[in-house]
Amino acid sequence: MKMNNNCPVCHQRMEIEVGFYYGTSYVSYALTVALSVASFVAWWVLIGFSTNDNRFFWWLGINIVMLILLQPYLMRLSRAIWLSFFVRYNPNWKIEKTDSRERS
């Protein structure tokens, strides 16, 4: 999944500076931990864990496969979240034009 170089609507550059997206690893880590905790709780409530069988290892295997399959989407989402920390959203962008774009 390729991310656009510029926003298709406002033409804001997606890469503000070299190495800008190194911080997305922290956002991606938080998203994967939250997803793993949510799947753990859902598994615990719906199926349960027991020391008599391998339910924990089934959850672990399914969680690993789920995270591998969702990784491209999680990385793109983490890039968008990281960008939103630094570029303000203007709800009136259609009427109010910005003075200058970041790194135009």
Protein backbone atom coordinates (compact mmCIF):
# COMPACT_ATOMS: atom_id res chain seq x y z
CA MET A 1 0.00 0.00 0.00
CA LYS A 2 1.66 3.13 -1.22
CA MET A 3 0.94 6.37 0.59
CA ASN A 4 0.36 9.48 -1.50
CA ASN A 5 3.22 12.00 -1.78
CA ASN A 6 0.74 14.87 -1.47
CA CYS A 7 -2.77 15.13 -0.08
CA PRO A 8 -5.18 14.76 -3.01
CA VAL A 9 -7.39 17.54 -1.62
CA CYS A 10 -5.14 20.28 -0.19
CA HIS A 11 -1.80 19.19 -1.76
CA GLN A 12 -0.03 19.17 1.62
CA ARG A 13 3.20 17.18 1.36
CA MET A 14 2.95 13.98 3.35
CA GLU A 15 6.66 13.88 4.17
CA ILE A 16 7.34 17.15 5.92
CA GLU A 17 11.06 16.53 6.42
CA VAL A 18 13.57 13.74 6.00
CA GLY A 19 13.09 11.13 8.70
CA PHE A 20 9.75 12.63 9.75
CA TYR A 21 8.05 9.26 10.01
CA TYR A 22 10.52 7.63 12.41
CA GLY A 23 8.05 8.48 15.18
CA THR A 24 5.38 6.34 13.57
CA SER A 25 7.00 3.29 15.09
CA TYR A 26 5.75 4.46 18.50
CA VAL A 27 2.23 4.98 17.17
CA SER A 28 2.30 1.62 15.39
CA TYR A 29 3.52 -0.07 18.57
CA ALA A 30 0.66 1.48 20.56
CA LEU A 31 -1.87 0.37 17.93
CA THR A 32 -0.57 -3.22 17.89
CA VAL A 33 -0.52 -3.43 21.69
CA ALA A 34 -4.09 -2.08 21.85
CA LEU A 35 -5.21 -4.56 19.19
CA SER A 36 -3.48 -7.44 20.99
CA VAL A 37 -5.04 -6.50 24.33
CA ALA A 38 -8.47 -6.20 22.69
CA SER A 39 -8.14 -9.61 21.05
CA PHE A 40 -6.89 -11.09 24.34
CA VAL A 41 -9.88 -9.75 26.25
CA ALA A 42 -12.29 -10.87 23.52
CA TRP A 43 -10.73 -14.36 23.52
CA TRP A 44 -10.87 -14.52 27.31
CA VAL A 45 -14.55 -13.49 27.43
CA LEU A 46 -15.75 -15.56 24.47
CA ILE A 47 -13.57 -18.68 24.65
CA GLY A 48 -11.65 -18.48 27.91
CA PHE A 49 -8.20 -19.62 28.94
CA SER A 50 -7.31 -22.84 30.66
CA THR A 51 -4.17 -24.54 31.89
CA ASN A 52 -5.52 -27.91 30.72
CA ASP A 53 -5.37 -27.20 26.99
CA ASN A 54 -3.57 -24.98 24.48
CA ARG A 55 -6.10 -22.13 24.18
CA PHE A 56 -3.45 -19.54 25.03
CA PHE A 57 -1.18 -20.77 22.24
CA TRP A 58 -4.11 -20.76 19.80
CA TRP A 59 -4.79 -17.13 20.73
CA LEU A 60 -1.10 -16.31 20.38
CA GLY A 61 -0.89 -17.88 16.92
CA ILE A 62 -4.09 -16.22 15.70
CA ASN A 63 -2.95 -12.88 17.14
CA ILE A 64 0.42 -13.13 15.36
CA VAL A 65 -1.22 -13.95 12.01
CA MET A 66 -3.75 -11.13 12.50
CA LEU A 67 -1.00 -8.59 13.23
CA ILE A 68 1.06 -9.71 10.23
CA LEU A 69 -1.94 -9.38 7.92
CA LEU A 70 -2.94 -5.99 9.34
CA GLN A 71 0.60 -4.54 9.40
CA PRO A 72 0.35 -2.58 6.11
CA TYR A 73 -2.91 -0.98 7.26
CA LEU A 74 -1.54 -0.29 10.75
CA MET A 75 1.55 1.39 9.32
CA ARG A 76 -0.50 3.60 7.03
CA LEU A 77 -2.86 4.48 9.88
CA SER A 78 0.08 5.25 12.18
CA ARG A 79 1.57 7.56 9.52
CA ALA A 80 -1.74 9.42 9.26
CA ILE A 81 -2.02 9.71 13.05
CA TRP A 82 1.60 10.89 13.35
CA LEU A 83 1.04 13.49 10.63
CA SER A 84 -2.10 14.74 12.39
CA PHE A 85 0.01 15.56 15.47
CA PHE A 86 1.99 18.12 13.49
CA VAL A 87 -0.32 19.41 10.75
CA ARG A 88 -3.48 21.11 11.93
CA TYR A 89 -6.77 20.28 10.31
CA ASN A 90 -8.82 23.29 9.23
CA PRO A 91 -12.54 22.38 9.22
CA ASN A 92 -13.20 25.38 6.94
CA TRP A 93 -10.55 24.44 4.38
CA LYS A 94 -12.93 24.99 1.46
CA ILE A 95 -13.49 28.69 2.25
CA GLU A 96 -10.32 29.62 4.11
CA LYS A 97 -7.14 29.22 2.10
CA THR A 98 -3.92 28.64 4.00
CA ASP A 99 -1.09 31.14 3.70
CA SER A 100 1.52 28.53 2.87
CA ARG A 101 1.89 24.80 2.90
CA GLU A 102 4.56 22.97 4.83
CA ARG A 103 7.52 22.47 2.48
CA SER A 104 5.71 23.43 -0.67
